[in-house]
Every structure is written in C-alpha cells, then in structure tokens.
Amino acid sequence: MRKVILSLFLAFCGLILKAQTVNDIPITEIDVEYVQIVGTSKLMSTKLTIQIDFGQRTKFFSNGKETIVKDENGKATDFNSMIDALNFMSQNGFEFVNAYAITVGNQNVYHYLLRNRKKSE
C-alpha cells in the first residue's frame, strides 16, 4: 500500500513540477555548447531578471521576452543575484566560463558566458 501511495505521489509531483524554460525549451534540454546569461535589475527591486541567449531565433518586436527564464506557469523567474542565477544554471548542467558587466544609463547589465557540461565532455 505504501508503494502505491508513493508511486501516485511521485507521478502527481511529476505532473505539477515542470522545469524552467526559455522560449518554451526546458533549460536542461538546451542542446548547445555555450549560452550567455544576461542579468538586469528590476525597477524598484533588489531582484534580477535573467535572459538566456543560446542563439535561438527571436521575434523582432518581442523585446527580449522570449529569452527570459520562465517558471512552470509561464511567469518570469526572479533571481536574488547573478550568483543565484549561476547556481541555478550549474544545477541545470552548465559551468562558468567568463563574466563582464557594462553600465547602460544608471543600470549595470551583467553578462556571464557558460558552457554546457554535456557538450564539453
């Protein structure tokens, strides 16, 4: 009986929990060697919005919305810092290569280059 309940619980969790996505592609299924994550601060917040560029096609007037990391409900995922985003990407199979920041107006924009561990083996 316990095995049946545990199996049902795990199946239920699998239906509810979906991976974060970019452009409707789960992060763990991005099949490229390199990605760039770009972090910008949110207005009136200490959180960051992270965009992931892996060479995907985007619509001309999308304003970068297709590259934002989204949760299972399609809402943008907020990160506490670039290290939070870096840890998230590391848990999803990517490793740090290089980083730099630029200032646009009064806002810092952080760029991190990452390598897919599966592709680099």
N, C-alpha and C. Protein backbone atom coordinates (compact mmCIF):
# COMPACT_ATOMS: atom_id res chain seq x y z
N MET A 1 0.82 -1.19 0.00
CA MET A 1 0.00 0.00 0.00
C MET A 1 0.87 1.26 0.00
N ARG A 2 1.95 1.24 0.78
CA ARG A 2 2.85 2.40 0.82
C ARG A 2 3.48 2.65 -0.55
N LYS A 3 3.83 1.57 -1.24
CA LYS A 3 4.45 1.72 -2.56
C LYS A 3 3.48 2.35 -3.54
N VAL A 4 2.22 1.97 -3.46
CA VAL A 4 1.21 2.53 -4.36
C VAL A 4 1.03 4.02 -4.08
N ILE A 5 0.94 4.38 -2.81
CA ILE A 5 0.77 5.79 -2.44
C ILE A 5 1.99 6.60 -2.85
N LEU A 6 3.17 6.06 -2.62
CA LEU A 6 4.40 6.75 -3.01
C LEU A 6 4.47 6.93 -4.52
N SER A 7 4.10 5.89 -5.27
CA SER A 7 4.11 5.97 -6.73
C SER A 7 3.13 7.03 -7.23
N LEU A 8 1.94 7.06 -6.65
CA LEU A 8 0.95 8.06 -7.03
C LEU A 8 1.42 9.47 -6.70
N PHE A 9 2.04 9.63 -5.53
CA PHE A 9 2.56 10.92 -5.12
C PHE A 9 3.64 11.41 -6.09
N LEU A 10 4.58 10.54 -6.44
CA LEU A 10 5.66 10.91 -7.35
C LEU A 10 5.12 11.24 -8.74
N ALA A 11 4.15 10.47 -9.21
CA ALA A 11 3.55 10.75 -10.50
C ALA A 11 2.84 12.11 -10.48
N PHE A 12 2.14 12.40 -9.39
CA PHE A 12 1.44 13.67 -9.24
C PHE A 12 2.44 14.84 -9.24
N CYS A 13 3.54 14.68 -8.50
CA CYS A 13 4.57 15.72 -8.46
C CYS A 13 5.18 15.95 -9.84
N GLY A 14 5.37 14.88 -10.58
CA GLY A 14 5.92 15.00 -11.92
C GLY A 14 5.01 15.77 -12.86
N LEU A 15 3.70 15.66 -12.65
CA LEU A 15 2.76 16.42 -13.48
C LEU A 15 2.74 17.89 -13.10
N ILE A 16 2.88 18.17 -11.83
CA ILE A 16 2.80 19.56 -11.35
C ILE A 16 4.11 20.30 -11.61
N LEU A 17 5.23 19.66 -11.33
CA LEU A 17 6.52 20.34 -11.43
C LEU A 17 7.08 20.21 -12.84
N LYS A 18 7.21 21.34 -13.51
CA LYS A 18 7.84 21.37 -14.82
C LYS A 18 9.13 22.15 -14.65
N ALA A 19 10.05 21.93 -15.55
CA ALA A 19 11.32 22.64 -15.49
C ALA A 19 11.13 24.08 -15.96
N GLN A 20 12.03 24.95 -15.50
CA GLN A 20 12.04 26.31 -16.02
C GLN A 20 12.37 26.24 -17.50
N THR A 21 11.85 27.19 -18.25
CA THR A 21 12.03 27.17 -19.70
C THR A 21 12.52 28.52 -20.20
N VAL A 22 13.10 28.47 -21.39
CA VAL A 22 13.44 29.66 -22.16
C VAL A 22 12.92 29.40 -23.55
N ASN A 23 12.06 30.31 -24.04
CA ASN A 23 11.48 30.14 -25.36
C ASN A 23 10.78 28.78 -25.47
N ASP A 24 10.13 28.37 -24.38
CA ASP A 24 9.41 27.10 -24.25
C ASP A 24 10.29 25.86 -24.35
N ILE A 25 11.60 26.01 -24.16
CA ILE A 25 12.53 24.88 -24.14
C ILE A 25 13.04 24.73 -22.71
N PRO A 26 12.88 23.54 -22.10
CA PRO A 26 13.41 23.35 -20.74
C PRO A 26 14.92 23.61 -20.71
N ILE A 27 15.38 24.26 -19.65
CA ILE A 27 16.80 24.63 -19.53
C ILE A 27 17.70 23.41 -19.73
N THR A 28 17.32 22.28 -19.14
CA THR A 28 18.16 21.08 -19.22
C THR A 28 18.22 20.49 -20.62
N GLU A 29 17.32 20.91 -21.51
CA GLU A 29 17.29 20.37 -22.87
C GLU A 29 17.87 21.32 -23.91
N ILE A 30 18.46 22.42 -23.48
CA ILE A 30 19.11 23.33 -24.42
C ILE A 30 20.33 22.60 -24.97
N ASP A 31 20.33 22.36 -26.27
CA ASP A 31 21.32 21.49 -26.89
C ASP A 31 22.39 22.30 -27.65
N VAL A 32 23.10 23.15 -26.92
CA VAL A 32 24.20 23.93 -27.49
C VAL A 32 25.38 23.86 -26.54
N GLU A 33 26.56 24.21 -27.04
CA GLU A 33 27.74 24.16 -26.17
C GLU A 33 27.84 25.38 -25.25
N TYR A 34 27.51 26.56 -25.76
CA TYR A 34 27.63 27.78 -24.97
C TYR A 34 26.30 28.51 -24.86
N VAL A 35 26.09 29.15 -23.71
CA VAL A 35 24.97 30.06 -23.52
C VAL A 35 25.50 31.31 -22.81
N GLN A 36 24.79 32.39 -22.99
CA GLN A 36 25.12 33.62 -22.27
C GLN A 36 23.90 34.00 -21.43
N ILE A 37 24.14 34.25 -20.16
CA ILE A 37 23.04 34.76 -19.33
C ILE A 37 23.29 36.24 -19.11
N VAL A 38 22.22 37.01 -19.23
CA VAL A 38 22.29 38.46 -19.08
C VAL A 38 21.34 38.84 -17.95
N GLY A 39 21.87 39.50 -16.94
CA GLY A 39 21.07 39.89 -15.78
C GLY A 39 20.89 41.39 -15.72
N THR A 40 19.64 41.80 -15.57
CA THR A 40 19.33 43.22 -15.39
C THR A 40 18.48 43.38 -14.14
N SER A 41 18.71 44.48 -13.40
CA SER A 41 17.93 44.70 -12.19
C SER A 41 16.51 45.11 -12.54
N LYS A 42 15.61 44.67 -11.69
CA LYS A 42 14.21 45.04 -11.86
C LYS A 42 14.00 46.42 -11.23
N LEU A 43 13.09 47.17 -11.80
CA LEU A 43 12.79 48.50 -11.31
C LEU A 43 12.24 48.43 -9.89
N MET A 44 12.80 49.21 -9.00
CA MET A 44 12.36 49.30 -7.60
C MET A 44 12.43 47.95 -6.88
N SER A 45 13.45 47.15 -7.16
CA SER A 45 13.59 45.84 -6.54
C SER A 45 15.06 45.48 -6.44
N THR A 46 15.37 44.56 -5.56
CA THR A 46 16.74 44.05 -5.46
C THR A 46 16.91 42.79 -6.30
N LYS A 47 15.85 42.32 -6.94
CA LYS A 47 15.87 41.10 -7.75
C LYS A 47 16.39 41.40 -9.15
N LEU A 48 16.81 40.32 -9.85
CA LEU A 48 17.27 40.43 -11.22
C LEU A 48 16.37 39.61 -12.15
N THR A 49 16.23 40.08 -13.37
CA THR A 49 15.61 39.29 -14.42
C THR A 49 16.73 38.74 -15.28
N ILE A 50 16.69 37.44 -15.53
CA ILE A 50 17.73 36.77 -16.29
C ILE A 50 17.21 36.40 -17.67
N GLN A 51 17.99 36.74 -18.67
CA GLN A 51 17.71 36.32 -20.04
C GLN A 51 18.80 35.36 -20.47
N ILE A 52 18.43 34.35 -21.23
CA ILE A 52 19.39 33.36 -21.70
C ILE A 52 19.43 33.39 -23.22
N ASP A 53 20.63 33.61 -23.74
CA ASP A 53 20.84 33.62 -25.19
C ASP A 53 21.64 32.37 -25.54
N PHE A 54 21.03 31.49 -26.33
CA PHE A 54 21.75 30.33 -26.81
C PHE A 54 21.70 30.26 -28.33
N GLY A 55 21.48 31.43 -28.96
CA GLY A 55 21.45 31.50 -30.41
C GLY A 55 20.08 31.23 -31.00
N GLN A 56 19.06 31.21 -30.15
CA GLN A 56 17.72 30.92 -30.63
C GLN A 56 17.17 32.09 -31.44
N ARG A 57 16.22 31.77 -32.32
CA ARG A 57 15.53 32.82 -33.07
C ARG A 57 14.56 33.53 -32.14
N THR A 58 14.49 34.83 -32.29
CA THR A 58 13.51 35.61 -31.52
C THR A 58 12.76 36.50 -32.49
N LYS A 59 11.56 36.87 -32.10
CA LYS A 59 10.76 37.77 -32.93
C LYS A 59 11.31 39.18 -32.80
N PHE A 60 11.18 39.95 -33.86
CA PHE A 60 11.76 41.29 -33.90
C PHE A 60 11.20 42.20 -32.81
N PHE A 61 9.90 42.15 -32.56
CA PHE A 61 9.28 43.04 -31.59
C PHE A 61 9.01 42.36 -30.25
N SER A 62 9.72 41.28 -29.94
CA SER A 62 9.46 40.55 -28.69
C SER A 62 10.02 41.26 -27.47
N ASN A 63 10.97 42.20 -27.66
CA ASN A 63 11.56 42.95 -26.56
C ASN A 63 12.28 42.05 -25.57
N GLY A 64 12.80 40.92 -26.03
CA GLY A 64 13.57 40.02 -25.18
C GLY A 64 12.75 39.10 -24.31
N LYS A 65 11.42 39.14 -24.42
CA LYS A 65 10.57 38.32 -23.56
C LYS A 65 10.74 36.82 -23.83
N GLU A 66 11.15 36.46 -25.04
CA GLU A 66 11.33 35.04 -25.38
C GLU A 66 12.57 34.45 -24.73
N THR A 67 13.49 35.29 -24.29
CA THR A 67 14.75 34.80 -23.73
C THR A 67 14.75 34.80 -22.21
N ILE A 68 13.66 35.24 -21.59
CA ILE A 68 13.57 35.29 -20.13
C ILE A 68 13.28 33.90 -19.58
N VAL A 69 13.92 33.55 -18.47
CA VAL A 69 13.67 32.28 -17.81
C VAL A 69 12.29 32.34 -17.18
N LYS A 70 11.45 31.35 -17.53
CA LYS A 70 10.08 31.32 -17.03
C LYS A 70 9.86 30.08 -16.18
N ASP A 71 8.95 30.20 -15.21
CA ASP A 71 8.62 29.07 -14.36
C ASP A 71 7.55 28.20 -15.02
N GLU A 72 7.05 27.22 -14.29
CA GLU A 72 6.07 26.28 -14.83
C GLU A 72 4.75 26.94 -15.20
N ASN A 73 4.49 28.15 -14.71
CA ASN A 73 3.25 28.87 -15.03
C ASN A 73 3.45 29.90 -16.13
N GLY A 74 4.66 29.97 -16.68
CA GLY A 74 4.94 30.92 -17.74
C GLY A 74 5.29 32.32 -17.26
N LYS A 75 5.50 32.46 -15.93
CA LYS A 75 5.88 33.76 -15.38
C LYS A 75 7.40 33.87 -15.30
N ALA A 76 7.91 35.08 -15.45
CA ALA A 76 9.35 35.31 -15.37
C ALA A 76 9.87 34.89 -13.99
N THR A 77 10.98 34.18 -13.99
CA THR A 77 11.62 33.76 -12.75
C THR A 77 12.56 34.86 -12.28
N ASP A 78 12.43 35.26 -11.04
CA ASP A 78 13.32 36.28 -10.47
C ASP A 78 14.46 35.59 -9.74
N PHE A 79 15.63 36.21 -9.79
CA PHE A 79 16.80 35.71 -9.09
C PHE A 79 17.29 36.78 -8.12
N ASN A 80 17.85 36.36 -7.00
CA ASN A 80 18.33 37.30 -5.98
C ASN A 80 19.60 38.01 -6.42
N SER A 81 20.43 37.34 -7.21
CA SER A 81 21.70 37.91 -7.66
C SER A 81 22.20 37.10 -8.85
N MET A 82 23.28 37.54 -9.44
CA MET A 82 23.87 36.77 -10.55
C MET A 82 24.42 35.44 -10.04
N ILE A 83 24.88 35.41 -8.81
CA ILE A 83 25.36 34.15 -8.24
C ILE A 83 24.20 33.17 -8.08
N ASP A 84 23.04 33.66 -7.71
CA ASP A 84 21.84 32.83 -7.64
C ASP A 84 21.55 32.23 -9.02
N ALA A 85 21.62 33.07 -10.06
CA ALA A 85 21.39 32.59 -11.43
C ALA A 85 22.48 31.61 -11.86
N LEU A 86 23.72 31.89 -11.48
CA LEU A 86 24.83 31.00 -11.82
C LEU A 86 24.67 29.64 -11.14
N ASN A 87 24.26 29.63 -9.88
CA ASN A 87 24.00 28.37 -9.18
C ASN A 87 22.85 27.61 -9.83
N PHE A 88 21.80 28.33 -10.24
CA PHE A 88 20.67 27.73 -10.93
C PHE A 88 21.14 27.05 -12.23
N MET A 89 21.94 27.76 -13.00
CA MET A 89 22.42 27.20 -14.27
C MET A 89 23.37 26.03 -14.02
N SER A 90 24.17 26.08 -12.97
CA SER A 90 25.06 24.98 -12.63
C SER A 90 24.26 23.72 -12.29
N GLN A 91 23.16 23.89 -11.57
CA GLN A 91 22.29 22.76 -11.24
C GLN A 91 21.63 22.18 -12.49
N ASN A 92 21.58 22.96 -13.56
CA ASN A 92 20.96 22.51 -14.79
C ASN A 92 21.98 22.11 -15.85
N GLY A 93 23.22 21.87 -15.44
CA GLY A 93 24.21 21.28 -16.34
C GLY A 93 25.17 22.23 -17.02
N PHE A 94 25.28 23.48 -16.55
CA PHE A 94 26.18 24.44 -17.18
C PHE A 94 27.29 24.85 -16.22
N GLU A 95 28.46 25.21 -16.78
CA GLU A 95 29.58 25.64 -15.96
C GLU A 95 30.05 27.03 -16.42
N PHE A 96 30.55 27.79 -15.47
CA PHE A 96 31.00 29.15 -15.70
C PHE A 96 32.25 29.18 -16.57
N VAL A 97 32.30 30.16 -17.52
CA VAL A 97 33.48 30.36 -18.36
C VAL A 97 34.05 31.75 -18.14
N ASN A 98 33.20 32.80 -18.26
CA ASN A 98 33.69 34.17 -18.19
C ASN A 98 32.54 35.11 -17.83
N ALA A 99 32.87 36.30 -17.32
CA ALA A 99 31.84 37.27 -16.96
C ALA A 99 32.35 38.69 -17.17
N TYR A 100 31.42 39.59 -17.49
CA TYR A 100 31.73 41.01 -17.55
C TYR A 100 30.44 41.79 -17.32
N ALA A 101 30.58 43.04 -16.96
CA ALA A 101 29.43 43.91 -16.73
C ALA A 101 29.61 45.19 -17.52
N ILE A 102 28.49 45.73 -18.00
CA ILE A 102 28.51 47.04 -18.64
C ILE A 102 27.44 47.89 -17.97
N THR A 103 27.60 49.19 -18.05
CA THR A 103 26.62 50.09 -17.48
C THR A 103 25.85 50.76 -18.60
N VAL A 104 24.54 50.64 -18.55
CA VAL A 104 23.66 51.28 -19.53
C VAL A 104 22.79 52.25 -18.74
N GLY A 105 22.98 53.54 -18.98
CA GLY A 105 22.31 54.55 -18.16
C GLY A 105 22.86 54.46 -16.76
N ASN A 106 22.01 54.25 -15.78
CA ASN A 106 22.44 54.07 -14.40
C ASN A 106 22.29 52.62 -13.96
N GLN A 107 22.18 51.71 -14.90
CA GLN A 107 21.91 50.33 -14.57
C GLN A 107 23.05 49.42 -15.05
N ASN A 108 23.50 48.54 -14.17
CA ASN A 108 24.50 47.55 -14.56
C ASN A 108 23.82 46.38 -15.24
N VAL A 109 24.43 45.92 -16.33
CA VAL A 109 23.95 44.74 -17.06
C VAL A 109 25.08 43.72 -17.01
N TYR A 110 24.78 42.56 -16.42
CA TYR A 110 25.79 41.53 -16.20
C TYR A 110 25.68 40.46 -17.27
N HIS A 111 26.84 40.07 -17.82
CA HIS A 111 26.89 39.04 -18.86
C HIS A 111 27.78 37.90 -18.37
N TYR A 112 27.25 36.68 -18.36
CA TYR A 112 28.01 35.51 -17.96
C TYR A 112 27.99 34.51 -19.10
N LEU A 113 29.15 34.04 -19.51
CA LEU A 113 29.26 33.01 -20.53
C LEU A 113 29.39 31.66 -19.82
N LEU A 114 28.56 30.71 -20.23
CA LEU A 114 28.54 29.38 -19.63
C LEU A 114 28.70 28.32 -20.69
N ARG A 115 29.22 27.17 -20.29
CA ARG A 115 29.40 26.03 -21.19
C ARG A 115 28.53 24.89 -20.69
N ASN A 116 27.90 24.21 -21.63
CA ASN A 116 27.10 23.02 -21.32
C ASN A 116 28.06 21.87 -21.01
N ARG A 117 27.99 21.32 -19.79
CA ARG A 117 28.90 20.25 -19.39
C ARG A 117 28.74 19.01 -20.26
N LYS A 118 27.52 18.72 -20.71
CA LYS A 118 27.29 17.53 -21.56
C LYS A 118 27.98 17.68 -22.90
N LYS A 119 28.03 18.87 -23.45
CA LYS A 119 28.64 19.11 -24.77
C LYS A 119 30.16 19.17 -24.69
N SER A 120 30.70 19.54 -23.53
CA SER A 120 32.15 19.71 -23.42
C SER A 120 32.88 18.42 -23.07
N GLU A 121 32.13 17.35 -22.82
CA GLU A 121 32.78 16.07 -22.47
C GLU A 121 33.30 15.35 -23.69
